[in-house]
Amino acid sequence: MGINLEVFKFGMYLMFPIGIMFYFGTNLDDRFSVQGFWPKAEHSHKIPFDRDEMKAEYARLLRRQREFERLKAGREGQQNQQQDN
């Protein structure tokens, strides 16, 4: 009886992790995926490689930074006016 129990336990020690890995390791795309989680290529940022595209992106970033600074200066001016009153 003792040797049969040891063989059974050894078999369980081997087969349990292998069975878990097989169960969770197969068909991962269908089992654990969330549809629409990753953005499509047309919705993600396109890295510019061409010189003209880089210039256009740099100009866009400059416009955005200037707009941010203008809005920030406007807010600070309003806060200063409110504090003076």
PDB file of N, CA and C in Angstrom:
ATOM      1  N   MET A   1       0.823  -1.190   0.000  1.00  0.00           N
ATOM      2  CA  MET A   1       0.000   0.000   0.000  1.00  0.00           C
ATOM      3  C   MET A   1       0.866   1.253   0.000  1.00  0.00           C
ATOM      4  N   GLY A   2       1.994   1.226   0.706  1.00  0.00           N
ATOM      5  CA  GLY A   2       2.826   2.408   0.831  1.00  0.00           C
ATOM      6  C   GLY A   2       3.428   2.856  -0.485  1.00  0.00           C
ATOM      7  N   ILE A   3       3.877   1.905  -1.309  1.00  0.00           N
ATOM      8  CA  ILE A   3       4.505   2.281  -2.571  1.00  0.00           C
ATOM      9  C   ILE A   3       3.475   2.825  -3.556  1.00  0.00           C
ATOM     10  N   ASN A   4       2.249   2.272  -3.515  1.00  0.00           N
ATOM     11  CA  ASN A   4       1.203   2.763  -4.409  1.00  0.00           C
ATOM     12  C   ASN A   4       0.810   4.196  -4.049  1.00  0.00           C
ATOM     13  N   LEU A   5       0.750   4.497  -2.768  1.00  0.00           N
ATOM     14  CA  LEU A   5       0.429   5.858  -2.336  1.00  0.00           C
ATOM     15  C   LEU A   5       1.517   6.826  -2.768  1.00  0.00           C
ATOM     16  N   GLU A   6       2.783   6.399  -2.649  1.00  0.00           N
ATOM     17  CA  GLU A   6       3.879   7.264  -3.060  1.00  0.00           C
ATOM     18  C   GLU A   6       3.855   7.500  -4.566  1.00  0.00           C
ATOM     19  N   VAL A   7       3.554   6.495  -5.349  1.00  0.00           N
ATOM     20  CA  VAL A   7       3.460   6.644  -6.811  1.00  0.00           C
ATOM     21  C   VAL A   7       2.305   7.578  -7.155  1.00  0.00           C
ATOM     22  N   PHE A   8       1.178   7.422  -6.450  1.00  0.00           N
ATOM     23  CA  PHE A   8       0.040   8.308  -6.691  1.00  0.00           C
ATOM     24  C   PHE A   8       0.387   9.756  -6.356  1.00  0.00           C
ATOM     25  N   LYS A   9       1.008   9.981  -5.207  1.00  0.00           N
ATOM     26  CA  LYS A   9       1.379  11.341  -4.810  1.00  0.00           C
ATOM     27  C   LYS A   9       2.374  11.939  -5.800  1.00  0.00           C
ATOM     28  N   PHE A  10       3.357  11.144  -6.228  1.00  0.00           N
ATOM     29  CA  PHE A  10       4.329  11.638  -7.204  1.00  0.00           C
ATOM     30  C   PHE A  10       3.633  12.018  -8.514  1.00  0.00           C
ATOM     31  N   GLY A  11       2.693  11.169  -8.930  1.00  0.00           N
ATOM     32  CA  GLY A  11       1.939  11.478 -10.150  1.00  0.00           C
ATOM     33  C   GLY A  11       1.134  12.766 -10.007  1.00  0.00           C
ATOM     34  N   MET A  12       0.541  12.983  -8.851  1.00  0.00           N
ATOM     35  CA  MET A  12      -0.219  14.215  -8.618  1.00  0.00           C
ATOM     36  C   MET A  12       0.704  15.428  -8.586  1.00  0.00           C
ATOM     37  N   TYR A  13       1.876  15.273  -7.952  1.00  0.00           N
ATOM     38  CA  TYR A  13       2.827  16.383  -7.902  1.00  0.00           C
ATOM     39  C   TYR A  13       3.269  16.798  -9.302  1.00  0.00           C
ATOM     40  N   LEU A  14       3.359  15.838 -10.192  1.00  0.00           N
ATOM     41  CA  LEU A  14       3.753  16.159 -11.567  1.00  0.00           C
ATOM     42  C   LEU A  14       2.574  16.643 -12.401  1.00  0.00           C
ATOM     43  N   MET A  15       1.457  15.970 -12.304  1.00  0.00           N
ATOM     44  CA  MET A  15       0.346  16.256 -13.213  1.00  0.00           C
ATOM     45  C   MET A  15      -0.433  17.510 -12.838  1.00  0.00           C
ATOM     46  N   PHE A  16      -0.508  17.859 -11.569  1.00  0.00           N
ATOM     47  CA  PHE A  16      -1.270  19.041 -11.181  1.00  0.00           C
ATOM     48  C   PHE A  16      -0.695  20.319 -11.803  1.00  0.00           C
ATOM     49  N   PRO A  17       0.598  20.621 -11.654  1.00  0.00           N
ATOM     50  CA  PRO A  17       1.112  21.840 -12.299  1.00  0.00           C
ATOM     51  C   PRO A  17       1.061  21.776 -13.821  1.00  0.00           C
ATOM     52  N   ILE A  18       1.300  20.593 -14.363  1.00  0.00           N
ATOM     53  CA  ILE A  18       1.238  20.462 -15.827  1.00  0.00           C
ATOM     54  C   ILE A  18      -0.190  20.689 -16.303  1.00  0.00           C
ATOM     55  N   GLY A  19      -1.163  20.138 -15.585  1.00  0.00           N
ATOM     56  CA  GLY A  19      -2.561  20.351 -15.957  1.00  0.00           C
ATOM     57  C   GLY A  19      -2.970  21.815 -15.854  1.00  0.00           C
ATOM     58  N   ILE A  20      -2.537  22.500 -14.798  1.00  0.00           N
ATOM     59  CA  ILE A  20      -2.851  23.926 -14.646  1.00  0.00           C
ATOM     60  C   ILE A  20      -2.222  24.730 -15.779  1.00  0.00           C
ATOM     61  N   MET A  21      -0.940  24.441 -16.071  1.00  0.00           N
ATOM     62  CA  MET A  21      -0.279  25.163 -17.167  1.00  0.00           C
ATOM     63  C   MET A  21      -0.952  24.885 -18.500  1.00  0.00           C
ATOM     64  N   PHE A  22      -1.393  23.641 -18.714  1.00  0.00           N
ATOM     65  CA  PHE A  22      -2.072  23.317 -19.960  1.00  0.00           C
ATOM     66  C   PHE A  22      -3.419  24.037 -20.045  1.00  0.00           C
ATOM     67  N   TYR A  23      -4.169  24.038 -18.942  1.00  0.00           N
ATOM     68  CA  TYR A  23      -5.488  24.668 -18.945  1.00  0.00           C
ATOM     69  C   TYR A  23      -5.390  26.178 -19.187  1.00  0.00           C
ATOM     70  N   PHE A  24      -4.510  26.842 -18.461  1.00  0.00           N
ATOM     71  CA  PHE A  24      -4.402  28.282 -18.590  1.00  0.00           C
ATOM     72  C   PHE A  24      -3.482  28.714 -19.723  1.00  0.00           C
ATOM     73  N   GLY A  25      -2.723  27.812 -20.300  1.00  0.00           N
ATOM     74  CA  GLY A  25      -1.770  28.177 -21.340  1.00  0.00           C
ATOM     75  C   GLY A  25      -2.279  27.984 -22.744  1.00  0.00           C
ATOM     76  N   THR A  26      -3.421  27.321 -22.915  1.00  0.00           N
ATOM     77  CA  THR A  26      -3.948  27.099 -24.254  1.00  0.00           C
ATOM     78  C   THR A  26      -5.127  28.029 -24.502  1.00  0.00           C
ATOM     79  N   ASN A  27      -5.262  28.468 -25.719  1.00  0.00           N
ATOM     80  CA  ASN A  27      -6.385  29.284 -26.161  1.00  0.00           C
ATOM     81  C   ASN A  27      -6.464  30.598 -25.376  1.00  0.00           C
ATOM     82  N   LEU A  28      -5.318  31.216 -25.150  1.00  0.00           N
ATOM     83  CA  LEU A  28      -5.283  32.434 -24.348  1.00  0.00           C
ATOM     84  C   LEU A  28      -5.984  33.600 -25.031  1.00  0.00           C
ATOM     85  N   ASP A  29      -5.897  33.679 -26.342  1.00  0.00           N
ATOM     86  CA  ASP A  29      -6.484  34.815 -27.044  1.00  0.00           C
ATOM     87  C   ASP A  29      -7.998  34.860 -26.896  1.00  0.00           C
ATOM     88  N   ASP A  30      -8.636  33.716 -26.913  1.00  0.00           N
ATOM     89  CA  ASP A  30     -10.092  33.701 -26.783  1.00  0.00           C
ATOM     90  C   ASP A  30     -10.551  33.750 -25.332  1.00  0.00           C
ATOM     91  N   ARG A  31      -9.793  33.155 -24.438  1.00  0.00           N
ATOM     92  CA  ARG A  31     -10.232  33.030 -23.057  1.00  0.00           C
ATOM     93  C   ARG A  31     -10.026  34.307 -22.241  1.00  0.00           C
ATOM     94  N   PHE A  32      -8.879  34.942 -22.383  1.00  0.00           N
ATOM     95  CA  PHE A  32      -8.541  36.051 -21.506  1.00  0.00           C
ATOM     96  C   PHE A  32      -8.409  37.384 -22.235  1.00  0.00           C
ATOM     97  N   SER A  33      -8.968  37.519 -23.397  1.00  0.00           N
ATOM     98  CA  SER A  33      -8.822  38.771 -24.136  1.00  0.00           C
ATOM     99  C   SER A  33     -10.058  39.643 -23.949  1.00  0.00           C
ATOM    100  N   VAL A  34      -9.836  40.940 -24.005  1.00  0.00           N
ATOM    101  CA  VAL A  34     -10.919  41.912 -23.940  1.00  0.00           C
ATOM    102  C   VAL A  34     -10.993  42.568 -25.307  1.00  0.00           C
ATOM    103  N   GLN A  35     -12.110  42.404 -25.966  1.00  0.00           N
ATOM    104  CA  GLN A  35     -12.250  42.943 -27.316  1.00  0.00           C
ATOM    105  C   GLN A  35     -12.208  44.464 -27.290  1.00  0.00           C
ATOM    106  N   GLY A  36     -11.429  45.060 -28.190  1.00  0.00           N
ATOM    107  CA  GLY A  36     -11.336  46.509 -28.290  1.00  0.00           C
ATOM    108  C   GLY A  36     -10.453  47.137 -27.228  1.00  0.00           C
ATOM    109  N   PHE A  37      -9.631  46.349 -26.522  1.00  0.00           N
ATOM    110  CA  PHE A  37      -8.778  46.905 -25.473  1.00  0.00           C
ATOM    111  C   PHE A  37      -7.633  47.711 -26.066  1.00  0.00           C
ATOM    112  N   TRP A  38      -6.937  47.165 -27.037  1.00  0.00           N
ATOM    113  CA  TRP A  38      -5.817  47.869 -27.659  1.00  0.00           C
ATOM    114  C   TRP A  38      -6.323  48.749 -28.781  1.00  0.00           C
ATOM    115  N   PRO A  39      -5.782  49.958 -28.927  1.00  0.00           N
ATOM    116  CA  PRO A  39      -6.245  50.849 -29.998  1.00  0.00           C
ATOM    117  C   PRO A  39      -5.821  50.330 -31.366  1.00  0.00           C
ATOM    118  N   LYS A  40      -6.616  50.650 -32.337  1.00  0.00           N
ATOM    119  CA  LYS A  40      -6.295  50.274 -33.712  1.00  0.00           C
ATOM    120  C   LYS A  40      -5.160  51.168 -34.215  1.00  0.00           C
ATOM    121  N   ALA A  41      -4.531  50.768 -35.288  1.00  0.00           N
ATOM    122  CA  ALA A  41      -3.385  51.515 -35.831  1.00  0.00           C
ATOM    123  C   ALA A  41      -3.797  52.921 -36.262  1.00  0.00           C
ATOM    124  N   GLU A  42      -4.993  53.074 -36.780  1.00  0.00           N
ATOM    125  CA  GLU A  42      -5.426  54.404 -37.241  1.00  0.00           C
ATOM    126  C   GLU A  42      -5.758  55.336 -36.079  1.00  0.00           C
ATOM    127  N   HIS A  43      -5.966  54.796 -34.876  1.00  0.00           N
ATOM    128  CA  HIS A  43      -6.262  55.627 -33.715  1.00  0.00           C
ATOM    129  C   HIS A  43      -5.039  55.948 -32.874  1.00  0.00           C
ATOM    130  N   SER A  44      -3.917  55.311 -33.150  1.00  0.00           N
ATOM    131  CA  SER A  44      -2.729  55.553 -32.349  1.00  0.00           C
ATOM    132  C   SER A  44      -1.853  56.618 -33.000  1.00  0.00           C
ATOM    133  N   HIS A  45      -0.859  57.057 -32.258  1.00  0.00           N
ATOM    134  CA  HIS A  45       0.023  58.117 -32.724  1.00  0.00           C
ATOM    135  C   HIS A  45       0.939  57.597 -33.822  1.00  0.00           C
ATOM    136  N   LYS A  46       1.096  58.387 -34.866  1.00  0.00           N
ATOM    137  CA  LYS A  46       1.970  58.021 -35.974  1.00  0.00           C
ATOM    138  C   LYS A  46       3.282  58.767 -35.799  1.00  0.00           C
ATOM    139  N   ILE A  47       4.376  58.049 -35.722  1.00  0.00           N
ATOM    140  CA  ILE A  47       5.685  58.658 -35.544  1.00  0.00           C
ATOM    141  C   ILE A  47       6.157  59.203 -36.891  1.00  0.00           C
ATOM    142  N   PRO A  48       6.531  60.482 -36.944  1.00  0.00           N
ATOM    143  CA  PRO A  48       6.992  61.035 -38.229  1.00  0.00           C
ATOM    144  C   PRO A  48       8.422  60.585 -38.527  1.00  0.00           C
ATOM    145  N   PHE A  49       8.646  60.156 -39.746  1.00  0.00           N
ATOM    146  CA  PHE A  49       9.971  59.750 -40.177  1.00  0.00           C
ATOM    147  C   PHE A  49      10.522  60.686 -41.245  1.00  0.00           C
ATOM    148  N   ASP A  50       9.651  61.295 -42.024  1.00  0.00           N
ATOM    149  CA  ASP A  50      10.055  62.195 -43.093  1.00  0.00           C
ATOM    150  C   ASP A  50      10.398  63.565 -42.504  1.00  0.00           C
ATOM    151  N   ARG A  51      11.306  64.273 -43.129  1.00  0.00           N
ATOM    152  CA  ARG A  51      11.741  65.578 -42.624  1.00  0.00           C
ATOM    153  C   ARG A  51      10.578  66.578 -42.581  1.00  0.00           C
ATOM    154  N   ASP A  52       9.747  66.576 -43.601  1.00  0.00           N
ATOM    155  CA  ASP A  52       8.600  67.496 -43.621  1.00  0.00           C
ATOM    156  C   ASP A  52       7.595  67.157 -42.525  1.00  0.00           C
ATOM    157  N   GLU A  53       7.388  65.876 -42.304  1.00  0.00           N
ATOM    158  CA  GLU A  53       6.478  65.463 -41.235  1.00  0.00           C
ATOM    159  C   GLU A  53       7.026  65.875 -39.870  1.00  0.00           C
ATOM    160  N   MET A  54       8.344  65.767 -39.694  1.00  0.00           N
ATOM    161  CA  MET A  54       8.956  66.179 -38.427  1.00  0.00           C
ATOM    162  C   MET A  54       8.807  67.680 -38.206  1.00  0.00           C
ATOM    163  N   LYS A  55       8.987  68.464 -39.270  1.00  0.00           N
ATOM    164  CA  LYS A  55       8.820  69.916 -39.151  1.00  0.00           C
ATOM    165  C   LYS A  55       7.373  70.263 -38.804  1.00  0.00           C
ATOM    166  N   ALA A  56       6.431  69.581 -39.445  1.00  0.00           N
ATOM    167  CA  ALA A  56       5.020  69.835 -39.167  1.00  0.00           C
ATOM    168  C   ALA A  56       4.677  69.455 -37.719  1.00  0.00           C
ATOM    169  N   GLU A  57       5.205  68.334 -37.229  1.00  0.00           N
ATOM    170  CA  GLU A  57       4.946  67.921 -35.855  1.00  0.00           C
ATOM    171  C   GLU A  57       5.572  68.894 -34.861  1.00  0.00           C
ATOM    172  N   TYR A  58       6.783  69.377 -35.167  1.00  0.00           N
ATOM    173  CA  TYR A  58       7.442  70.344 -34.300  1.00  0.00           C
ATOM    174  C   TYR A  58       6.643  71.648 -34.258  1.00  0.00           C
ATOM    175  N   ALA A  59       6.144  72.087 -35.407  1.00  0.00           N
ATOM    176  CA  ALA A  59       5.327  73.311 -35.451  1.00  0.00           C
ATOM    177  C   ALA A  59       4.044  73.120 -34.641  1.00  0.00           C
ATOM    178  N   ARG A  60       3.445  71.937 -34.728  1.00  0.00           N
ATOM    179  CA  ARG A  60       2.227  71.669 -33.967  1.00  0.00           C
ATOM    180  C   ARG A  60       2.508  71.697 -32.464  1.00  0.00           C
ATOM    181  N   LEU A  61       3.635  71.107 -32.056  1.00  0.00           N
ATOM    182  CA  LEU A  61       3.994  71.113 -30.638  1.00  0.00           C
ATOM    183  C   LEU A  61       4.283  72.526 -30.148  1.00  0.00           C
ATOM    184  N   LEU A  62       4.939  73.352 -30.988  1.00  0.00           N
ATOM    185  CA  LEU A  62       5.189  74.741 -30.609  1.00  0.00           C
ATOM    186  C   LEU A  62       3.884  75.520 -30.428  1.00  0.00           C
ATOM    187  N   ARG A  63       2.943  75.335 -31.371  1.00  0.00           N
ATOM    188  CA  ARG A  63       1.640  76.003 -31.259  1.00  0.00           C
ATOM    189  C   ARG A  63       0.927  75.572 -29.988  1.00  0.00           C
ATOM    190  N   ARG A  64       0.985  74.290 -29.704  1.00  0.00           N
ATOM    191  CA  ARG A  64       0.329  73.775 -28.497  1.00  0.00           C
ATOM    192  C   ARG A  64       0.966  74.356 -27.233  1.00  0.00           C
ATOM    193  N   GLN A  65       2.291  74.426 -27.198  1.00  0.00           N
ATOM    194  CA  GLN A  65       2.983  74.971 -26.032  1.00  0.00           C
ATOM    195  C   GLN A  65       2.676  76.454 -25.859  1.00  0.00           C
ATOM    196  N   ARG A  66       2.665  77.204 -26.960  1.00  0.00           N
ATOM    197  CA  ARG A  66       2.352  78.636 -26.881  1.00  0.00           C
ATOM    198  C   ARG A  66       0.921  78.859 -26.407  1.00  0.00           C
ATOM    199  N   GLU A  67       0.003  78.042 -26.881  1.00  0.00           N
ATOM    200  CA  GLU A  67      -1.393  78.151 -26.446  1.00  0.00           C
ATOM    201  C   GLU A  67      -1.502  77.850 -24.953  1.00  0.00           C
ATOM    202  N   PHE A  68      -0.786  76.830 -24.491  1.00  0.00           N
ATOM    203  CA  PHE A  68      -0.799  76.489 -23.071  1.00  0.00           C
ATOM    204  C   PHE A  68      -0.234  77.634 -22.240  1.00  0.00           C
ATOM    205  N   GLU A  69       0.879  78.210 -22.689  1.00  0.00           N
ATOM    206  CA  GLU A  69       1.480  79.327 -21.957  1.00  0.00           C
ATOM    207  C   GLU A  69       0.567  80.546 -21.954  1.00  0.00           C
ATOM    208  N   ARG A  70      -0.126  80.790 -23.083  1.00  0.00           N
ATOM    209  CA  ARG A  70      -1.047  81.919 -23.162  1.00  0.00           C
ATOM    210  C   ARG A  70      -2.214  81.726 -22.190  1.00  0.00           C
ATOM    211  N   LEU A  71      -2.748  80.515 -22.142  1.00  0.00           N
ATOM    212  CA  LEU A  71      -3.851  80.237 -21.213  1.00  0.00           C
ATOM    213  C   LEU A  71      -3.380  80.334 -19.762  1.00  0.00           C
ATOM    214  N   LYS A  72      -2.182  79.866 -19.497  1.00  0.00           N
ATOM    215  CA  LYS A  72      -1.644  79.934 -18.143  1.00  0.00           C
ATOM    216  C   LYS A  72      -1.437  81.389 -17.725  1.00  0.00           C
ATOM    217  N   ALA A  73      -0.910  82.217 -18.630  1.00  0.00           N
ATOM    218  CA  ALA A  73      -0.705  83.637 -18.322  1.00  0.00           C
ATOM    219  C   ALA A  73      -2.048  84.331 -18.107  1.00  0.00           C
ATOM    220  N   GLY A  74      -3.058  83.948 -18.878  1.00  0.00           N
ATOM    221  CA  GLY A  74      -4.394  84.523 -18.712  1.00  0.00           C
ATOM    222  C   GLY A  74      -4.990  84.166 -17.366  1.00  0.00           C
ATOM    223  N   ARG A  75      -4.810  82.941 -16.935  1.00  0.00           N
ATOM    224  CA  ARG A  75      -5.325  82.528 -15.625  1.00  0.00           C
ATOM    225  C   ARG A  75      -4.613  83.263 -14.497  1.00  0.00           C
ATOM    226  N   GLU A  76      -3.285  83.394 -14.633  1.00  0.00           N
ATOM    227  CA  GLU A  76      -2.527  84.089 -13.596  1.00  0.00           C
ATOM    228  C   GLU A  76      -2.930  85.560 -13.541  1.00  0.00           C
ATOM    229  N   GLY A  77      -3.201  86.174 -14.701  1.00  0.00           N
ATOM    230  CA  GLY A  77      -3.659  87.564 -14.728  1.00  0.00           C
ATOM    231  C   GLY A  77      -5.007  87.721 -14.057  1.00  0.00           C
ATOM    232  N   GLN A  78      -5.907  86.777 -14.293  1.00  0.00           N
ATOM    233  CA  GLN A  78      -7.222  86.831 -13.653  1.00  0.00           C
ATOM    234  C   GLN A  78      -7.093  86.657 -12.144  1.00  0.00           C
ATOM    235  N   GLN A  79      -6.222  85.754 -11.710  1.00  0.00           N
ATOM    236  CA  GLN A  79      -6.036  85.548 -10.274  1.00  0.00           C
ATOM    237  C   GLN A  79      -5.443  86.791  -9.624  1.00  0.00           C
ATOM    238  N   ASN A  80      -4.521  87.452 -10.317  1.00  0.00           N
ATOM    239  CA  ASN A  80      -3.937  88.673  -9.774  1.00  0.00           C
ATOM    240  C   ASN A  80      -4.967  89.786  -9.666  1.00  0.00           C
ATOM    241  N   GLN A  81      -5.854  89.896 -10.665  1.00  0.00           N
ATOM    242  CA  GLN A  81      -6.910  90.907 -10.615  1.00  0.00           C
ATOM    243  C   GLN A  81      -7.876  90.618  -9.462  1.00  0.00           C
ATOM    244  N   GLN A  82      -8.204  89.370  -9.249  1.00  0.00           N
ATOM    245  CA  GLN A  82      -9.121  89.008  -8.173  1.00  0.00           C
ATOM    246  C   GLN A  82      -8.485  89.274  -6.812  1.00  0.00           C
ATOM    247  N   GLN A  83      -7.186  89.049  -6.679  1.00  0.00           N
ATOM    248  CA  GLN A  83      -6.511  89.296  -5.427  1.00  0.00           C
ATOM    249  C   GLN A  83      -6.404  90.794  -5.154  1.00  0.00           C
ATOM    250  N   ASP A  84      -6.258  91.612  -6.206  1.00  0.00           N
ATOM    251  CA  ASP A  84      -6.154  93.061  -6.030  1.00  0.00           C
ATOM    252  C   ASP A  84      -7.486  93.663  -5.599  1.00  0.00           C
ATOM    253  N   ASN A  85      -8.588  93.073  -6.019  1.00  0.00           N
ATOM    254  CA  ASN A  85      -9.920  93.616  -5.687  1.00  0.00           C
ATOM    255  C   ASN A  85     -10.239  93.261  -4.310  1.00  0.00           C
TER     256      ASN A  85
END
